[in-house]
Amino acid sequence: MLPRSGDVLHVTRAASVQFLRPIMFRVIRVLDWPTYDGWIWLEGYELNASGDAVTRRSIFVQREGLRQLSSAPEPRPHTVRAPRRPVSRTPARVG
């Protein structure tokens, strides 16, 4: 399963040897760049221990090595509003 925008991942050496020091990563999007089978490019933010974004980056990782810490909320259904009725603009009667 591919990560989605808003997912928070724990990226370790299991995902790529470059992550000797594991990071938390919030996904912005999965990039549609050519890769080897099982590998993906992700764009997102590296998070600090408090969960705040500290660095925007693109990472090249093995999908199977990623561990999802939290998932993005399900998208809300689109709300369609009923058309509004026009307001009567007749002047008030005096007297």
C-alpha atoms as a PDB file:
ATOM      1  CA  MET A   1       0.000   0.000   0.000  1.00  0.00           C
ATOM      2  CA  LEU A   2       1.334   3.452  -0.922  1.00  0.00           C
ATOM      3  CA  PRO A   3       1.551   6.192   1.691  1.00  0.00           C
ATOM      4  CA  ARG A   4      -0.943   9.039   1.332  1.00  0.00           C
ATOM      5  CA  SER A   5      -0.661  12.757   1.871  1.00  0.00           C
ATOM      6  CA  GLY A   6      -0.714  13.428   5.621  1.00  0.00           C
ATOM      7  CA  ASP A   7       0.592  10.005   6.712  1.00  0.00           C
ATOM      8  CA  VAL A   8       3.371  10.089   9.305  1.00  0.00           C
ATOM      9  CA  LEU A   9       6.035   7.435   8.742  1.00  0.00           C
ATOM     10  CA  HIS A  10       8.948   6.114  10.777  1.00  0.00           C
ATOM     11  CA  VAL A  11      11.782   5.854   8.275  1.00  0.00           C
ATOM     12  CA  THR A  12      14.662   3.618   9.355  1.00  0.00           C
ATOM     13  CA  ARG A  13      17.552   1.750   7.808  1.00  0.00           C
ATOM     14  CA  ALA A  14      15.007  -0.913   6.762  1.00  0.00           C
ATOM     15  CA  ALA A  15      13.722   1.631   4.217  1.00  0.00           C
ATOM     16  CA  SER A  16      17.167   2.754   3.037  1.00  0.00           C
ATOM     17  CA  VAL A  17      20.759   2.582   4.262  1.00  0.00           C
ATOM     18  CA  GLN A  18      20.886   6.387   4.346  1.00  0.00           C
ATOM     19  CA  PHE A  19      18.652   6.370   7.439  1.00  0.00           C
ATOM     20  CA  LEU A  20      21.177   5.095   9.944  1.00  0.00           C
ATOM     21  CA  ARG A  21      19.545   7.673  12.236  1.00  0.00           C
ATOM     22  CA  PRO A  22      15.771   7.077  11.947  1.00  0.00           C
ATOM     23  CA  ILE A  23      13.435   9.976  11.195  1.00  0.00           C
ATOM     24  CA  MET A  24       9.732  10.715  11.401  1.00  0.00           C
ATOM     25  CA  PHE A  25       8.399  11.902   8.059  1.00  0.00           C
ATOM     26  CA  ARG A  26       5.038  13.472   7.116  1.00  0.00           C
ATOM     27  CA  VAL A  27       4.134  12.717   3.506  1.00  0.00           C
ATOM     28  CA  ILE A  28       3.094  15.522   1.178  1.00  0.00           C
ATOM     29  CA  ARG A  29       2.898  13.281  -1.888  1.00  0.00           C
ATOM     30  CA  VAL A  30       4.293  10.224  -3.604  1.00  0.00           C
ATOM     31  CA  LEU A  31       6.366  11.407  -6.551  1.00  0.00           C
ATOM     32  CA  ASP A  32       5.769   9.784  -9.920  1.00  0.00           C
ATOM     33  CA  TRP A  33       9.444   9.364 -10.769  1.00  0.00           C
ATOM     34  CA  PRO A  34      10.897   6.201 -12.347  1.00  0.00           C
ATOM     35  CA  THR A  35      12.340   3.851  -9.724  1.00  0.00           C
ATOM     36  CA  TYR A  36      13.417   0.289  -9.132  1.00  0.00           C
ATOM     37  CA  ASP A  37      10.726  -2.257  -8.259  1.00  0.00           C
ATOM     38  CA  GLY A  38       9.632  -1.800  -4.632  1.00  0.00           C
ATOM     39  CA  TRP A  39      11.207   1.657  -4.270  1.00  0.00           C
ATOM     40  CA  ILE A  40       9.385   4.999  -4.168  1.00  0.00           C
ATOM     41  CA  TRP A  41      10.179   8.700  -4.008  1.00  0.00           C
ATOM     42  CA  LEU A  42       8.338  10.613  -1.277  1.00  0.00           C
ATOM     43  CA  GLU A  43       8.127  14.355  -0.779  1.00  0.00           C
ATOM     44  CA  GLY A  44       7.367  15.643   2.688  1.00  0.00           C
ATOM     45  CA  TYR A  45       8.639  17.015   5.958  1.00  0.00           C
ATOM     46  CA  GLU A  46      11.083  15.576   8.447  1.00  0.00           C
ATOM     47  CA  LEU A  47       9.538  15.997  11.899  1.00  0.00           C
ATOM     48  CA  ASN A  48      11.220  16.692  15.226  1.00  0.00           C
ATOM     49  CA  ALA A  49      10.380  14.857  18.470  1.00  0.00           C
ATOM     50  CA  SER A  50       7.409  17.199  19.040  1.00  0.00           C
ATOM     51  CA  GLY A  51       5.974  16.410  15.610  1.00  0.00           C
ATOM     52  CA  ASP A  52       6.804  19.815  14.137  1.00  0.00           C
ATOM     53  CA  ALA A  53       8.068  20.048  10.562  1.00  0.00           C
ATOM     54  CA  VAL A  54      11.739  21.041  10.494  1.00  0.00           C
ATOM     55  CA  THR A  55      12.985  20.213   6.985  1.00  0.00           C
ATOM     56  CA  ARG A  56      11.235  19.726   3.667  1.00  0.00           C
ATOM     57  CA  ARG A  57      12.829  16.924   1.665  1.00  0.00           C
ATOM     58  CA  SER A  58      12.416  14.225  -0.960  1.00  0.00           C
ATOM     59  CA  ILE A  59      13.457  10.716   0.027  1.00  0.00           C
ATOM     60  CA  PHE A  60      14.041   7.519  -1.954  1.00  0.00           C
ATOM     61  CA  VAL A  61      12.954   4.490   0.083  1.00  0.00           C
ATOM     62  CA  GLN A  62      11.837   0.881  -0.089  1.00  0.00           C
ATOM     63  CA  ARG A  63       8.093   0.761   0.447  1.00  0.00           C
ATOM     64  CA  GLU A  64       8.332  -2.428   2.536  1.00  0.00           C
ATOM     65  CA  GLY A  65      10.752  -0.785   4.992  1.00  0.00           C
ATOM     66  CA  LEU A  66       8.370   2.026   5.972  1.00  0.00           C
ATOM     67  CA  ARG A  67       6.423   1.904   9.230  1.00  0.00           C
ATOM     68  CA  GLN A  68       3.271   3.991   9.468  1.00  0.00           C
ATOM     69  CA  LEU A  69       2.916   5.872  12.780  1.00  0.00           C
ATOM     70  CA  SER A  70      -0.350   7.632  11.975  1.00  0.00           C
ATOM     71  CA  SER A  71      -2.523   7.845   8.932  1.00  0.00           C
ATOM     72  CA  ALA A  72      -4.094  10.833   7.301  1.00  0.00           C
ATOM     73  CA  PRO A  73      -7.734  11.422   8.159  1.00  0.00           C
ATOM     74  CA  GLU A  74     -10.238  10.147   5.637  1.00  0.00           C
ATOM     75  CA  PRO A  75     -11.252  12.877   3.209  1.00  0.00           C
ATOM     76  CA  ARG A  76     -14.594  14.448   4.006  1.00  0.00           C
ATOM     77  CA  PRO A  77     -17.335  14.031   1.409  1.00  0.00           C
ATOM     78  CA  HIS A  78     -17.983  17.086  -0.704  1.00  0.00           C
ATOM     79  CA  THR A  79     -20.936  19.088   0.594  1.00  0.00           C
ATOM     80  CA  VAL A  80     -23.364  20.367  -2.000  1.00  0.00           C
ATOM     81  CA  ARG A  81     -25.372  23.313  -0.808  1.00  0.00           C
ATOM     82  CA  ALA A  82     -28.932  23.911  -1.879  1.00  0.00           C
ATOM     83  CA  PRO A  83     -29.416  27.123  -3.832  1.00  0.00           C
ATOM     84  CA  ARG A  84     -30.480  30.065  -1.674  1.00  0.00           C
ATOM     85  CA  ARG A  85     -33.854  31.638  -2.201  1.00  0.00           C
ATOM     86  CA  PRO A  86     -33.788  35.286  -3.171  1.00  0.00           C
ATOM     87  CA  VAL A  87     -34.620  37.760  -0.400  1.00  0.00           C
ATOM     88  CA  SER A  88     -37.610  40.006  -1.073  1.00  0.00           C
ATOM     89  CA  ARG A  89     -36.479  43.625  -1.381  1.00  0.00           C
ATOM     90  CA  THR A  90     -39.898  45.376  -1.301  1.00  0.00           C
ATOM     91  CA  PRO A  91     -39.964  48.567   0.758  1.00  0.00           C
ATOM     92  CA  ALA A  92     -41.863  48.498   4.035  1.00  0.00           C
ATOM     93  CA  ARG A  93     -45.215  50.326   4.091  1.00  0.00           C
ATOM     94  CA  VAL A  94     -45.440  53.369   6.237  1.00  0.00           C
ATOM     95  CA  GLY A  95     -48.676  54.596   7.751  1.00  0.00           C
END
